[in-house]
Amino acid sequence: MKKQFRVVADSSCLIGLAKVKRFEILRHTFSEIFIPEAVYYEVVVKGKGEPGSEDTEAAIKEGWILKREVNDKIAVKALSSILGKGESEAIILSKELDADYALIDEKIAREQAELMEVNVIGILGILDLAIEQGISIDKRELINQLREEGFRISERLYKRIFPD
């Protein structure tokens, strides 16, 4: 059963799940998914033809991913001195919408979000939530596919997840 989580996604989870052909996990795991304008631009406009572009555009047309403009442009500009614009907007939009989570994988962006009291999960956390909700996932296979696609998951973390 899907829990009622409202989330704001950065580009990394959209692209990562599209690369391994499991983009629908987002739809089945979260009740509301928002992306800021900068993430839309990175994934759909600038990333046209790349993984995640068509999936994200289709999800917006179908209405299960909602594009939103960030109100606090000054906060975005301040964060953008350390982070990319998409990450900055995702963090600020999460605060503005009082989202349950920001879906962010980059370590520095996660740290900044946590400093701003924004709950963060990355693609591994998304997989865990999906499994908790009964979505059939071979976690090891998916993580191996993500790694093959260039998604950075350290050997140490991998061994912590799969100690055998």
C-alpha atoms as a PDB file:
ATOM      1  CA  MET A   1       0.000   0.000   0.000  1.00  0.00           C
ATOM      2  CA  LYS A   2       1.367   3.396  -1.020  1.00  0.00           C
ATOM      3  CA  LYS A   3       2.172   5.724   1.858  1.00  0.00           C
ATOM      4  CA  GLN A   4       1.260   9.360   1.524  1.00  0.00           C
ATOM      5  CA  PHE A   5       4.737  10.817   0.978  1.00  0.00           C
ATOM      6  CA  ARG A   6       5.103  14.183  -0.741  1.00  0.00           C
ATOM      7  CA  VAL A   7       8.547  14.543  -2.293  1.00  0.00           C
ATOM      8  CA  VAL A   8      10.616  16.923  -4.377  1.00  0.00           C
ATOM      9  CA  ALA A   9      12.984  15.210  -6.806  1.00  0.00           C
ATOM     10  CA  ASP A  10      16.393  16.281  -7.992  1.00  0.00           C
ATOM     11  CA  SER A  11      17.542  15.033 -11.377  1.00  0.00           C
ATOM     12  CA  SER A  12      19.732  12.145 -10.153  1.00  0.00           C
ATOM     13  CA  CYS A  13      16.900   9.826  -9.086  1.00  0.00           C
ATOM     14  CA  LEU A  14      14.905  10.565 -12.250  1.00  0.00           C
ATOM     15  CA  ILE A  15      17.894   9.784 -14.463  1.00  0.00           C
ATOM     16  CA  GLY A  16      19.105   6.822 -12.387  1.00  0.00           C
ATOM     17  CA  LEU A  17      15.766   5.024 -12.338  1.00  0.00           C
ATOM     18  CA  ALA A  18      15.236   5.734 -16.045  1.00  0.00           C
ATOM     19  CA  LYS A  19      18.656   4.262 -16.880  1.00  0.00           C
ATOM     20  CA  VAL A  20      17.707   0.964 -15.236  1.00  0.00           C
ATOM     21  CA  LYS A  21      14.180   1.025 -16.733  1.00  0.00           C
ATOM     22  CA  ARG A  22      12.451   1.331 -13.337  1.00  0.00           C
ATOM     23  CA  PHE A  23      11.171   4.931 -13.482  1.00  0.00           C
ATOM     24  CA  GLU A  24       7.693   3.735 -12.443  1.00  0.00           C
ATOM     25  CA  ILE A  25       9.003   2.997  -8.943  1.00  0.00           C
ATOM     26  CA  LEU A  26       8.592   6.717  -8.241  1.00  0.00           C
ATOM     27  CA  ARG A  27       4.934   6.668  -9.238  1.00  0.00           C
ATOM     28  CA  HIS A  28       4.177   3.635  -7.099  1.00  0.00           C
ATOM     29  CA  THR A  29       6.128   4.775  -4.036  1.00  0.00           C
ATOM     30  CA  PHE A  30       5.079   8.408  -3.562  1.00  0.00           C
ATOM     31  CA  SER A  31       1.683  10.108  -3.465  1.00  0.00           C
ATOM     32  CA  GLU A  32       2.937  13.474  -4.793  1.00  0.00           C
ATOM     33  CA  ILE A  33       6.147  14.127  -6.715  1.00  0.00           C
ATOM     34  CA  PHE A  34       7.273  17.654  -7.500  1.00  0.00           C
ATOM     35  CA  ILE A  35      10.217  18.886  -9.526  1.00  0.00           C
ATOM     36  CA  PRO A  36      11.444  22.460  -9.635  1.00  0.00           C
ATOM     37  CA  GLU A  37      11.923  24.314 -12.927  1.00  0.00           C
ATOM     38  CA  ALA A  38      15.718  23.854 -12.866  1.00  0.00           C
ATOM     39  CA  VAL A  39      15.383  20.061 -12.590  1.00  0.00           C
ATOM     40  CA  TYR A  40      12.875  20.077 -15.442  1.00  0.00           C
ATOM     41  CA  TYR A  41      15.344  22.078 -17.527  1.00  0.00           C
ATOM     42  CA  GLU A  42      18.290  19.777 -16.655  1.00  0.00           C
ATOM     43  CA  VAL A  43      16.425  16.550 -17.356  1.00  0.00           C
ATOM     44  CA  VAL A  44      13.892  17.356 -20.089  1.00  0.00           C
ATOM     45  CA  VAL A  45      15.253  20.364 -21.997  1.00  0.00           C
ATOM     46  CA  LYS A  46      19.042  20.202 -21.699  1.00  0.00           C
ATOM     47  CA  GLY A  47      18.938  16.404 -21.361  1.00  0.00           C
ATOM     48  CA  LYS A  48      16.663  15.837 -24.365  1.00  0.00           C
ATOM     49  CA  GLY A  49      17.280  12.352 -25.738  1.00  0.00           C
ATOM     50  CA  GLU A  50      19.131  11.293 -22.584  1.00  0.00           C
ATOM     51  CA  PRO A  51      17.833   8.838 -19.952  1.00  0.00           C
ATOM     52  CA  GLY A  52      15.040  10.337 -17.867  1.00  0.00           C
ATOM     53  CA  SER A  53      14.031  12.993 -20.364  1.00  0.00           C
ATOM     54  CA  GLU A  54      11.125  11.209 -22.045  1.00  0.00           C
ATOM     55  CA  ASP A  55      10.020   9.477 -18.826  1.00  0.00           C
ATOM     56  CA  THR A  56       9.901  12.771 -16.915  1.00  0.00           C
ATOM     57  CA  GLU A  57       8.118  14.610 -19.697  1.00  0.00           C
ATOM     58  CA  ALA A  58       5.518  11.809 -20.001  1.00  0.00           C
ATOM     59  CA  ALA A  59       4.989  11.758 -16.203  1.00  0.00           C
ATOM     60  CA  ILE A  60       4.361  15.517 -16.215  1.00  0.00           C
ATOM     61  CA  LYS A  61       1.855  15.168 -19.073  1.00  0.00           C
ATOM     62  CA  GLU A  62       0.140  12.313 -17.205  1.00  0.00           C
ATOM     63  CA  GLY A  63       0.051  14.486 -14.075  1.00  0.00           C
ATOM     64  CA  TRP A  64       1.920  12.263 -11.626  1.00  0.00           C
ATOM     65  CA  ILE A  65       4.993  14.489 -11.578  1.00  0.00           C
ATOM     66  CA  LEU A  66       4.186  18.152 -10.940  1.00  0.00           C
ATOM     67  CA  LYS A  67       6.478  20.969 -12.042  1.00  0.00           C
ATOM     68  CA  ARG A  68       6.651  23.882  -9.595  1.00  0.00           C
ATOM     69  CA  GLU A  69       8.397  27.223  -9.509  1.00  0.00           C
ATOM     70  CA  VAL A  70      10.405  28.099  -6.412  1.00  0.00           C
ATOM     71  CA  ASN A  71       9.301  31.302  -4.678  1.00  0.00           C
ATOM     72  CA  ASP A  72      12.435  32.138  -2.665  1.00  0.00           C
ATOM     73  CA  LYS A  73      14.869  33.004  -5.458  1.00  0.00           C
ATOM     74  CA  ILE A  74      17.313  34.602  -2.992  1.00  0.00           C
ATOM     75  CA  ALA A  75      17.682  31.345  -1.051  1.00  0.00           C
ATOM     76  CA  VAL A  76      18.223  29.463  -4.320  1.00  0.00           C
ATOM     77  CA  LYS A  77      20.880  31.949  -5.372  1.00  0.00           C
ATOM     78  CA  ALA A  78      22.658  31.603  -2.015  1.00  0.00           C
ATOM     79  CA  LEU A  79      22.665  27.796  -2.202  1.00  0.00           C
ATOM     80  CA  SER A  80      23.717  27.890  -5.859  1.00  0.00           C
ATOM     81  CA  SER A  81      27.105  29.234  -4.802  1.00  0.00           C
ATOM     82  CA  ILE A  82      27.825  25.734  -3.406  1.00  0.00           C
ATOM     83  CA  LEU A  83      25.396  23.473  -5.292  1.00  0.00           C
ATOM     84  CA  GLY A  84      23.930  23.135  -8.753  1.00  0.00           C
ATOM     85  CA  LYS A  85      20.767  25.069  -9.511  1.00  0.00           C
ATOM     86  CA  GLY A  86      18.619  21.911  -9.652  1.00  0.00           C
ATOM     87  CA  GLU A  87      19.791  20.739  -6.234  1.00  0.00           C
ATOM     88  CA  SER A  88      19.363  24.235  -4.803  1.00  0.00           C
ATOM     89  CA  GLU A  89      15.831  24.562  -6.132  1.00  0.00           C
ATOM     90  CA  ALA A  90      14.927  21.038  -4.963  1.00  0.00           C
ATOM     91  CA  ILE A  91      16.009  21.867  -1.407  1.00  0.00           C
ATOM     92  CA  ILE A  92      14.207  25.218  -1.284  1.00  0.00           C
ATOM     93  CA  LEU A  93      11.058  23.829  -2.932  1.00  0.00           C
ATOM     94  CA  SER A  94      11.049  20.998  -0.361  1.00  0.00           C
ATOM     95  CA  LYS A  95      11.001  23.610   2.391  1.00  0.00           C
ATOM     96  CA  GLU A  96       8.329  25.708   0.668  1.00  0.00           C
ATOM     97  CA  LEU A  97       6.036  22.703   0.117  1.00  0.00           C
ATOM     98  CA  ASP A  98       6.850  21.152   3.482  1.00  0.00           C
ATOM     99  CA  ALA A  99       7.629  17.949   1.577  1.00  0.00           C
ATOM    100  CA  ASP A 100       8.327  14.736   3.449  1.00  0.00           C
ATOM    101  CA  TYR A 101      11.567  14.202   1.532  1.00  0.00           C
ATOM    102  CA  ALA A 102      13.892  15.746  -0.989  1.00  0.00           C
ATOM    103  CA  LEU A 103      15.155  13.018  -3.332  1.00  0.00           C
ATOM    104  CA  ILE A 104      18.839  13.891  -3.611  1.00  0.00           C
ATOM    105  CA  ASP A 105      21.911  11.704  -4.035  1.00  0.00           C
ATOM    106  CA  GLU A 106      24.875  14.097  -4.113  1.00  0.00           C
ATOM    107  CA  LYS A 107      26.642  14.132  -0.746  1.00  0.00           C
ATOM    108  CA  ILE A 108      27.225  17.896  -0.475  1.00  0.00           C
ATOM    109  CA  ALA A 109      23.628  18.652  -1.482  1.00  0.00           C
ATOM    110  CA  ARG A 110      22.341  16.146   1.080  1.00  0.00           C
ATOM    111  CA  GLU A 111      24.452  17.787   3.786  1.00  0.00           C
ATOM    112  CA  GLN A 112      23.152  21.252   2.870  1.00  0.00           C
ATOM    113  CA  ALA A 113      19.554  19.996   2.868  1.00  0.00           C
ATOM    114  CA  GLU A 114      20.012  18.437   6.299  1.00  0.00           C
ATOM    115  CA  LEU A 115      21.482  21.717   7.611  1.00  0.00           C
ATOM    116  CA  MET A 116      18.249  23.355   6.435  1.00  0.00           C
ATOM    117  CA  GLU A 117      16.188  20.652   8.200  1.00  0.00           C
ATOM    118  CA  VAL A 118      15.011  19.034   4.974  1.00  0.00           C
ATOM    119  CA  ASN A 119      14.609  15.248   5.161  1.00  0.00           C
ATOM    120  CA  VAL A 120      16.599  13.621   2.387  1.00  0.00           C
ATOM    121  CA  ILE A 121      16.662  10.208   0.802  1.00  0.00           C
ATOM    122  CA  GLY A 122      18.516   9.050  -2.255  1.00  0.00           C
ATOM    123  CA  ILE A 123      17.926   6.324  -4.754  1.00  0.00           C
ATOM    124  CA  LEU A 124      18.831   3.583  -2.247  1.00  0.00           C
ATOM    125  CA  GLY A 125      16.280   4.972   0.210  1.00  0.00           C
ATOM    126  CA  ILE A 126      13.696   5.089  -2.566  1.00  0.00           C
ATOM    127  CA  LEU A 127      14.301   1.397  -3.249  1.00  0.00           C
ATOM    128  CA  ASP A 128      13.927   0.597   0.463  1.00  0.00           C
ATOM    129  CA  LEU A 129      10.633   2.527   0.680  1.00  0.00           C
ATOM    130  CA  ALA A 130       9.351   0.799  -2.456  1.00  0.00           C
ATOM    131  CA  ILE A 131      10.191  -2.633  -1.028  1.00  0.00           C
ATOM    132  CA  GLU A 132       8.505  -1.700   2.287  1.00  0.00           C
ATOM    133  CA  GLN A 133       5.393  -0.852   0.296  1.00  0.00           C
ATOM    134  CA  GLY A 134       5.372  -4.243  -1.400  1.00  0.00           C
ATOM    135  CA  ILE A 135       6.801  -3.300  -4.778  1.00  0.00           C
ATOM    136  CA  SER A 136       8.648  -6.270  -6.227  1.00  0.00           C
ATOM    137  CA  ILE A 137      12.300  -5.301  -6.589  1.00  0.00           C
ATOM    138  CA  ASP A 138      15.479  -7.343  -6.755  1.00  0.00           C
ATOM    139  CA  LYS A 139      17.510  -4.794  -4.802  1.00  0.00           C
ATOM    140  CA  ARG A 140      20.916  -6.369  -5.508  1.00  0.00           C
ATOM    141  CA  GLU A 141      20.209  -6.602  -9.238  1.00  0.00           C
ATOM    142  CA  LEU A 142      18.952  -3.011  -9.408  1.00  0.00           C
ATOM    143  CA  ILE A 143      21.914  -1.647  -7.467  1.00  0.00           C
ATOM    144  CA  ASN A 144      24.289  -3.615  -9.700  1.00  0.00           C
ATOM    145  CA  GLN A 145      22.556  -2.147 -12.760  1.00  0.00           C
ATOM    146  CA  LEU A 146      22.820   1.356 -11.308  1.00  0.00           C
ATOM    147  CA  ARG A 147      26.534   0.860 -10.677  1.00  0.00           C
ATOM    148  CA  GLU A 148      27.012  -0.426 -14.235  1.00  0.00           C
ATOM    149  CA  GLU A 149      25.304   2.750 -15.469  1.00  0.00           C
ATOM    150  CA  GLY A 150      27.831   4.873 -13.587  1.00  0.00           C
ATOM    151  CA  PHE A 151      25.767   5.587 -10.481  1.00  0.00           C
ATOM    152  CA  ARG A 152      28.272   6.071  -7.655  1.00  0.00           C
ATOM    153  CA  ILE A 153      27.756   3.606  -4.852  1.00  0.00           C
ATOM    154  CA  SER A 154      30.961   3.023  -2.942  1.00  0.00           C
ATOM    155  CA  GLU A 155      32.275  -0.480  -2.373  1.00  0.00           C
ATOM    156  CA  ARG A 156      32.045   0.139   1.378  1.00  0.00           C
ATOM    157  CA  LEU A 157      28.360   1.056   1.163  1.00  0.00           C
ATOM    158  CA  TYR A 158      27.686  -1.856  -1.198  1.00  0.00           C
ATOM    159  CA  LYS A 159      29.251  -4.277   1.291  1.00  0.00           C
ATOM    160  CA  ARG A 160      27.208  -2.736   4.104  1.00  0.00           C
ATOM    161  CA  ILE A 161      24.009  -3.340   2.148  1.00  0.00           C
ATOM    162  CA  PHE A 162      25.047  -6.838   1.031  1.00  0.00           C
ATOM    163  CA  PRO A 163      27.448  -8.199   3.644  1.00  0.00           C
ATOM    164  CA  ASP A 164      27.581 -11.732   2.176  1.00  0.00           C
END
